[in-house]
Amino acid sequence: MDNETIEFLADDFNFLDPGSRTAEAGAVKKISRSKEILRLLFENKGSAAALAGIALIVFLAVTGPIFSGYRYDQQIPGHENLAPRIQVLEKLGIFNGRETARTSAGVIVINKYEKLVDSQGVYHWFGTDVLGRDMFTRVWEGTRISLFIAFVAVMIDMLFGLTYGMISGYFGGRVDLYMQRFVEILSGIPNLIIVTLLIIILKPGLLSIILSLMITGWISMSRLTRAQIIRLKEQEFVLAARTLGAGHLFMLFKELLPNIFGQLLIMSMFSIPNAIFTEAFLAFIGIGIPVPLASLGSIISDSFKSFTTHPYMIVFPVAVLGILMLSFNLFADGLRDALDPKMKEF
């Protein structure tokens, strides 16, 4: 090919005027990672509804006992086994204090509020239990305890499970071998046995439940963390940081942790319903929160004894527990899709 001389003329190139340059730069908007995650999270109808449900339950758990005007341990003589009664809805013929009772003479409709001296000013939105305690107050007081246990479970996952898994996966070798054998031995012991042994030593209550979560509740998080660290620690950006002389703490908390934090956050969200269910199960079988404290599990356990005669006692705590667990699961699903959209393909 012959050498050709390329000659540029004066009008071959034009300078871009400042106005058009600004317009071109403004056409591309930079969206931050956090705003993109929030957008994807709220575009998912399930996660948006779940977040609204969690916010509503948290609000009622904080303010419900204040609005009711009753204490969770207050026993009111003469108010035993009252059906739900709500000011506005009673005018519509629902939640007006009436309940259907089955007797030897047949099925009858009774309203125990009519037997009270000052029945016009007495309202129990969720009814009362066999001791005359307001169920609305006790349900939301129990929700507080369930949410507290869920918060403690997340903290345990982040502190114990995250640290244990990062150390085991990062150092590997004999360190990983010994640490994983310890986890296998610990996970082979049923959690119910651990809690029962703790109750023999300690008294039933929050301390026993928290200690049981501290013993075995972090194992799943540690395994996930270890697997993610092993996957990342041989990649190029880690080798480059190690070549530049980065120390172990810098590698763990500056290079590896930011790249796995999304998966760990999702895992912690899934651990919340498990912790709530564990507390409810332990309370249901009688080794949970002691009286007169209330938790959703203990309320369900007490109400189950009166299920055939007063079913409203168990309906409300079961509904709150079910909505709470379902909301956290749906929110965790939406958070997983927002943090890692590629997971939708599987």
Protein backbone atom coordinates (compact mmCIF):
# COMPACT_ATOMS: atom_id res chain seq x y z
CA MET A 1 0.00 0.00 0.00
CA ASP A 2 1.43 3.35 -1.00
CA ASN A 3 2.14 5.89 1.64
CA GLU A 4 -0.54 8.53 1.49
CA THR A 5 -0.28 11.91 3.07
CA ILE A 6 -3.32 12.85 5.13
CA GLU A 7 -4.01 16.53 5.08
CA PHE A 8 -6.32 18.11 7.62
CA LEU A 9 -8.21 21.23 6.64
CA ALA A 10 -9.18 24.06 8.95
CA ASP A 11 -12.88 23.18 8.99
CA ASP A 12 -12.42 19.44 9.61
CA PHE A 13 -12.79 19.87 13.37
CA ASN A 14 -15.05 22.20 15.32
CA PHE A 15 -14.75 23.12 18.98
CA LEU A 16 -17.69 22.10 21.14
CA ASP A 17 -19.33 25.15 22.61
CA PRO A 18 -19.67 25.18 26.41
CA GLY A 19 -23.47 25.10 26.29
CA SER A 20 -23.70 21.85 24.35
CA ARG A 21 -20.98 20.27 26.49
CA THR A 22 -22.95 20.99 29.65
CA ALA A 23 -26.09 19.57 28.10
CA GLU A 24 -24.27 16.40 27.08
CA ALA A 25 -22.84 15.97 30.57
CA GLY A 26 -26.25 16.48 32.13
CA ALA A 27 -27.79 13.83 29.91
CA VAL A 28 -25.98 11.12 31.87
CA LYS A 29 -27.04 11.05 35.51
CA LYS A 30 -24.97 9.23 38.04
CA ILE A 31 -27.09 7.03 40.30
CA SER A 32 -25.54 5.95 43.59
CA ARG A 33 -25.51 2.32 44.62
CA SER A 34 -27.73 2.94 47.64
CA LYS A 35 -30.39 4.72 45.56
CA GLU A 36 -30.36 1.91 43.03
CA ILE A 37 -30.85 -0.68 45.79
CA LEU A 38 -33.74 1.31 47.26
CA ARG A 39 -35.34 1.63 43.82
CA LEU A 40 -35.14 -2.11 43.18
CA LEU A 41 -36.35 -2.82 46.70
CA PHE A 42 -39.48 -0.69 46.41
CA GLU A 43 -40.22 -1.84 42.85
CA ASN A 44 -40.63 -5.33 44.29
CA LYS A 45 -44.24 -5.30 45.53
CA GLY A 46 -43.65 -8.14 47.95
CA SER A 47 -40.70 -6.50 49.70
CA ALA A 48 -42.44 -3.10 49.75
CA ALA A 49 -45.53 -4.61 51.39
CA ALA A 50 -43.32 -6.55 53.80
CA LEU A 51 -41.44 -3.41 54.80
CA ALA A 52 -44.75 -1.62 55.43
CA GLY A 53 -45.93 -4.56 57.54
CA ILE A 54 -42.72 -4.56 59.60
CA ALA A 55 -42.96 -0.80 60.13
CA LEU A 56 -46.60 -1.08 61.25
CA ILE A 57 -45.87 -3.91 63.68
CA VAL A 58 -42.86 -2.07 65.14
CA PHE A 59 -44.98 1.08 65.56
CA LEU A 60 -47.76 -0.83 67.34
CA ALA A 61 -45.25 -2.68 69.50
CA VAL A 62 -43.85 0.66 70.66
CA THR A 63 -47.10 2.59 71.07
CA GLY A 64 -49.75 -0.12 71.52
CA PRO A 65 -49.38 -0.60 75.28
CA ILE A 66 -49.47 3.19 75.71
CA PHE A 67 -52.70 3.62 73.77
CA SER A 68 -54.54 0.78 75.49
CA GLY A 69 -54.42 2.31 78.96
CA TYR A 70 -53.73 -1.06 80.61
CA ARG A 71 -50.58 -2.73 81.90
CA TYR A 72 -49.53 -6.09 80.50
CA ASP A 73 -49.69 -7.69 83.98
CA GLN A 74 -52.82 -5.88 85.19
CA GLN A 75 -55.55 -8.28 86.34
CA ILE A 76 -58.99 -6.65 86.40
CA PRO A 77 -61.62 -8.48 88.53
CA GLY A 78 -64.82 -9.08 86.59
CA HIS A 79 -63.17 -8.63 83.18
CA GLU A 80 -62.27 -12.27 82.65
CA ASN A 81 -62.84 -13.78 79.18
CA LEU A 82 -64.27 -10.65 77.57
CA ALA A 83 -64.60 -10.75 73.78
CA PRO A 84 -63.03 -8.03 71.58
CA ARG A 85 -64.80 -4.68 71.62
CA ILE A 86 -63.78 -1.64 69.54
CA GLN A 87 -65.45 1.77 69.76
CA VAL A 88 -66.14 2.49 66.08
CA LEU A 89 -66.61 -1.04 64.78
CA GLU A 90 -69.22 -1.96 67.40
CA LYS A 91 -71.66 0.39 65.67
CA LEU A 92 -71.27 -1.73 62.53
CA GLY A 93 -72.22 -4.89 64.42
CA ILE A 94 -68.69 -6.33 64.61
CA PHE A 95 -66.26 -6.42 67.52
CA ASN A 96 -69.07 -5.38 69.86
CA GLY A 97 -68.23 -7.72 72.73
CA ARG A 98 -70.51 -10.55 71.68
CA GLU A 99 -69.30 -14.11 71.37
CA THR A 100 -70.88 -17.46 70.58
CA ALA A 101 -70.80 -20.00 73.39
CA ARG A 102 -71.65 -23.69 73.22
CA THR A 103 -73.51 -24.97 76.24
CA SER A 104 -75.51 -28.04 77.12
CA ALA A 105 -78.64 -26.14 76.10
CA GLY A 106 -77.22 -25.32 72.69
CA VAL A 107 -75.40 -22.46 71.00
CA ILE A 108 -76.05 -19.06 72.54
CA VAL A 109 -74.74 -15.54 71.89
CA ILE A 110 -73.62 -13.69 75.00
CA ASN A 111 -72.14 -10.29 75.76
CA LYS A 112 -70.32 -10.20 79.09
CA TYR A 113 -69.84 -6.44 78.86
CA GLU A 114 -73.53 -5.98 79.69
CA LYS A 115 -72.94 -7.45 83.15
CA LEU A 116 -70.32 -4.84 84.02
CA VAL A 117 -71.26 -1.84 86.15
CA ASP A 118 -69.82 0.75 83.75
CA SER A 119 -69.85 -1.14 80.47
CA GLN A 120 -70.09 1.97 78.27
CA GLY A 121 -66.49 3.01 78.92
CA VAL A 122 -64.90 -0.45 78.86
CA TYR A 123 -63.17 -1.48 75.66
CA HIS A 124 -60.73 -4.32 75.13
CA TRP A 125 -59.72 -4.30 71.46
CA PHE A 126 -58.39 -7.87 71.49
CA GLY A 127 -60.48 -9.04 74.44
CA THR A 128 -59.16 -10.31 77.77
CA ASP A 129 -57.70 -13.60 78.98
CA VAL A 130 -58.84 -15.90 81.77
CA LEU A 131 -57.22 -13.64 84.40
CA GLY A 132 -58.81 -10.42 83.13
CA ARG A 133 -55.66 -9.05 81.47
CA ASP A 134 -56.00 -6.91 78.34
CA MET A 135 -54.95 -8.98 75.32
CA PHE A 136 -54.15 -5.97 73.14
CA THR A 137 -51.53 -4.79 75.63
CA ARG A 138 -50.10 -8.26 76.12
CA VAL A 139 -49.85 -9.01 72.40
CA TRP A 140 -47.84 -5.87 71.65
CA GLU A 141 -45.75 -6.28 74.78
CA GLY A 142 -44.96 -9.78 73.59
CA THR A 143 -44.10 -8.42 70.15
CA ARG A 144 -41.54 -6.15 71.79
CA ILE A 145 -39.80 -9.17 73.31
CA SER A 146 -39.90 -11.08 70.02
CA LEU A 147 -38.38 -8.13 68.16
CA PHE A 148 -35.72 -7.74 70.85
CA ILE A 149 -34.77 -11.40 70.46
CA ALA A 150 -34.64 -10.93 66.67
CA PHE A 151 -32.30 -7.94 67.12
CA VAL A 152 -30.08 -9.96 69.46
CA ALA A 153 -29.98 -12.81 66.91
CA VAL A 154 -28.72 -10.41 64.20
CA MET A 155 -26.06 -9.01 66.54
CA ILE A 156 -24.89 -12.53 67.41
CA ASP A 157 -24.70 -13.43 63.72
CA MET A 158 -22.68 -10.34 62.92
CA LEU A 159 -20.31 -10.57 65.89
CA PHE A 160 -19.76 -14.31 66.35
CA GLY A 161 -20.66 -15.85 62.99
CA LEU A 162 -19.02 -13.19 60.86
CA THR A 163 -15.77 -13.11 62.85
CA TYR A 164 -15.51 -16.89 63.15
CA GLY A 165 -16.17 -17.51 59.46
CA MET A 166 -13.77 -14.82 58.28
CA ILE A 167 -10.90 -16.17 60.41
CA SER A 168 -11.55 -19.76 59.40
CA GLY A 169 -11.84 -19.05 55.68
CA TYR A 170 -9.01 -16.54 55.44
CA PHE A 171 -6.24 -18.41 57.23
CA GLY A 172 -7.24 -21.91 56.09
CA GLY A 173 -4.97 -24.88 56.75
CA ARG A 174 -4.90 -26.24 60.28
CA VAL A 175 -6.75 -23.20 61.62
CA ASP A 176 -9.68 -23.88 59.31
CA LEU A 177 -9.54 -27.62 60.03
CA TYR A 178 -9.74 -27.27 63.81
CA MET A 179 -12.35 -24.51 63.71
CA GLN A 180 -14.64 -26.46 61.38
CA ARG A 181 -14.38 -29.64 63.46
CA PHE A 182 -15.47 -27.60 66.49
CA VAL A 183 -18.44 -26.25 64.53
CA GLU A 184 -19.45 -29.75 63.45
CA ILE A 185 -19.39 -31.00 67.04
CA LEU A 186 -21.39 -27.99 68.23
CA SER A 187 -23.97 -28.21 65.45
CA GLY A 188 -24.51 -31.91 66.19
CA ILE A 189 -26.06 -31.03 69.55
CA PRO A 190 -29.79 -30.19 69.24
CA ASN A 191 -30.59 -26.65 70.28
CA LEU A 192 -33.50 -27.83 72.43
CA ILE A 193 -31.13 -29.89 74.57
CA ILE A 194 -28.86 -26.90 75.03
CA VAL A 195 -31.74 -24.66 76.09
CA THR A 196 -33.08 -27.31 78.47
CA LEU A 197 -29.66 -27.66 80.12
CA LEU A 198 -29.40 -23.88 80.42
CA ILE A 199 -32.79 -23.71 82.11
CA ILE A 200 -31.71 -26.36 84.61
CA ILE A 201 -28.73 -24.18 85.49
CA LEU A 202 -30.43 -20.81 85.02
CA LYS A 203 -34.00 -19.63 85.38
CA PRO A 204 -36.33 -19.52 82.35
CA GLY A 205 -36.19 -16.15 80.68
CA LEU A 206 -34.47 -13.95 78.15
CA LEU A 207 -31.00 -14.82 79.41
CA SER A 208 -31.46 -18.53 78.67
CA ILE A 209 -32.78 -17.84 75.17
CA ILE A 210 -29.96 -15.37 74.39
CA LEU A 211 -27.32 -17.82 75.62
CA SER A 212 -28.80 -20.58 73.47
CA LEU A 213 -28.59 -18.30 70.43
CA MET A 214 -25.00 -17.42 71.32
CA ILE A 215 -24.05 -21.11 71.47
CA THR A 216 -25.51 -22.37 68.20
CA GLY A 217 -27.34 -19.51 66.46
CA TRP A 218 -24.27 -18.18 64.64
CA ILE A 219 -23.19 -21.43 62.93
CA SER A 220 -25.06 -20.87 59.64
CA MET A 221 -23.65 -17.36 59.33
CA SER A 222 -20.10 -18.58 59.98
CA ARG A 223 -20.38 -21.24 57.27
CA LEU A 224 -21.67 -18.76 54.72
CA THR A 225 -18.93 -16.27 55.60
CA ARG A 226 -16.23 -18.94 55.35
CA ALA A 227 -17.46 -20.06 51.91
CA GLN A 228 -17.50 -16.48 50.59
CA ILE A 229 -14.01 -15.73 51.96
CA ILE A 230 -12.56 -18.88 50.39
CA ARG A 231 -14.12 -17.89 47.05
CA LEU A 232 -12.66 -14.37 47.11
CA LYS A 233 -9.29 -14.65 48.79
CA GLU A 234 -7.49 -16.01 45.68
CA GLN A 235 -8.85 -13.42 43.27
CA GLU A 236 -6.69 -10.80 41.60
CA PHE A 237 -7.61 -7.78 43.69
CA VAL A 238 -6.75 -9.66 46.88
CA LEU A 239 -3.42 -10.86 45.46
CA ALA A 240 -2.64 -7.30 44.36
CA ALA A 241 -3.33 -5.91 47.84
CA ARG A 242 -1.22 -8.65 49.39
CA THR A 243 1.63 -7.87 46.98
CA LEU A 244 1.51 -4.22 48.05
CA GLY A 245 2.07 -5.31 51.65
CA ALA A 246 -1.49 -5.17 53.08
CA GLY A 247 -1.85 -6.73 56.54
CA HIS A 248 -4.38 -9.32 57.64
CA LEU A 249 -6.79 -6.83 59.22
CA PHE A 250 -6.70 -4.62 56.15
CA MET A 251 -7.33 -7.61 53.90
CA LEU A 252 -10.25 -8.84 55.99
CA PHE A 253 -12.08 -5.59 56.67
CA LYS A 254 -11.12 -3.44 53.66
CA GLU A 255 -10.84 -5.92 50.80
CA LEU A 256 -12.95 -8.98 51.63
CA LEU A 257 -15.74 -7.80 53.96
CA PRO A 258 -17.17 -5.10 51.63
CA ASN A 259 -17.48 -7.70 48.85
CA ILE A 260 -19.49 -10.16 50.95
CA PHE A 261 -21.48 -7.77 53.14
CA GLY A 262 -24.54 -7.95 50.88
CA GLN A 263 -24.82 -11.74 51.19
CA LEU A 264 -24.28 -11.54 54.95
CA LEU A 265 -27.00 -8.90 55.32
CA ILE A 266 -29.43 -11.11 53.44
CA MET A 267 -28.53 -14.07 55.64
CA SER A 268 -29.08 -12.01 58.79
CA MET A 269 -32.55 -11.02 57.56
CA PHE A 270 -33.43 -14.68 57.09
CA SER A 271 -32.18 -15.45 60.62
CA ILE A 272 -34.71 -13.05 62.19
CA PRO A 273 -37.82 -15.22 61.57
CA ASN A 274 -35.90 -18.28 62.77
CA ALA A 275 -35.04 -16.54 66.04
CA ILE A 276 -38.63 -15.37 66.51
CA PHE A 277 -39.94 -18.87 65.84
CA THR A 278 -37.39 -20.39 68.25
CA GLU A 279 -38.52 -18.08 71.04
CA ALA A 280 -42.18 -18.77 70.29
CA PHE A 281 -41.57 -22.52 70.25
CA LEU A 282 -39.68 -22.48 73.54
CA ALA A 283 -42.37 -20.35 75.15
CA PHE A 284 -45.09 -22.63 73.77
CA ILE A 285 -43.57 -25.71 75.40
CA GLY A 286 -43.16 -23.85 78.68
CA ILE A 287 -39.44 -23.03 78.87
CA GLY A 288 -39.50 -19.49 77.54
CA ILE A 289 -40.37 -16.14 79.10
CA PRO A 290 -41.65 -16.53 82.69
CA VAL A 291 -44.88 -14.95 83.90
CA PRO A 292 -46.02 -12.24 84.26
CA LEU A 293 -43.88 -11.21 81.26
CA ALA A 294 -45.51 -11.82 77.92
CA SER A 295 -44.14 -12.98 74.60
CA LEU A 296 -45.99 -14.08 71.50
CA GLY A 297 -45.09 -17.70 72.20
CA SER A 298 -46.21 -17.60 75.84
CA ILE A 299 -49.47 -15.85 74.90
CA ILE A 300 -50.18 -18.49 72.25
CA SER A 301 -49.38 -21.23 74.76
CA ASP A 302 -51.75 -19.79 77.37
CA SER A 303 -54.49 -19.06 74.82
CA PHE A 304 -54.32 -22.56 73.36
CA LYS A 305 -55.89 -23.91 76.56
CA SER A 306 -59.01 -21.80 75.90
CA PHE A 307 -59.06 -22.24 72.14
CA THR A 308 -62.29 -24.25 72.02
CA THR A 309 -64.26 -21.86 74.24
CA HIS A 310 -62.65 -18.48 73.46
CA PRO A 311 -60.86 -18.71 70.08
CA TYR A 312 -60.27 -14.95 69.86
CA MET A 313 -57.52 -15.29 72.49
CA ILE A 314 -55.25 -17.18 70.10
CA VAL A 315 -56.26 -15.58 66.79
CA PHE A 316 -54.60 -12.20 67.36
CA PRO A 317 -51.15 -13.36 68.63
CA VAL A 318 -50.96 -16.02 65.91
CA ALA A 319 -51.86 -13.42 63.26
CA VAL A 320 -49.19 -10.99 64.51
CA LEU A 321 -46.57 -13.76 64.67
CA GLY A 322 -47.44 -14.99 61.18
CA ILE A 323 -47.38 -11.51 59.63
CA LEU A 324 -44.09 -10.71 61.35
CA MET A 325 -42.32 -13.86 60.13
CA LEU A 326 -43.79 -13.61 56.61
CA SER A 327 -42.81 -9.93 56.34
CA PHE A 328 -39.19 -10.58 57.27
CA ASN A 329 -38.98 -13.46 54.79
CA LEU A 330 -40.45 -11.40 51.95
CA PHE A 331 -38.23 -8.43 52.81
CA ALA A 332 -35.16 -10.70 52.79
CA ASP A 333 -36.15 -12.02 49.35
CA GLY A 334 -36.53 -8.50 48.00
CA LEU A 335 -33.24 -7.41 49.57
CA ARG A 336 -31.47 -10.36 47.96
CA ASP A 337 -32.83 -9.44 44.52
CA ALA A 338 -31.85 -5.79 45.02
CA LEU A 339 -28.31 -6.49 46.19
CA ASP A 340 -27.66 -9.23 43.64
CA PRO A 341 -30.05 -8.98 40.65
CA LYS A 342 -28.36 -11.96 38.98
CA MET A 343 -29.94 -14.22 41.60
CA LYS A 344 -33.28 -13.76 39.81
CA GLU A 345 -32.01 -15.97 37.00
CA PHE A 346 -31.83 -19.02 39.28
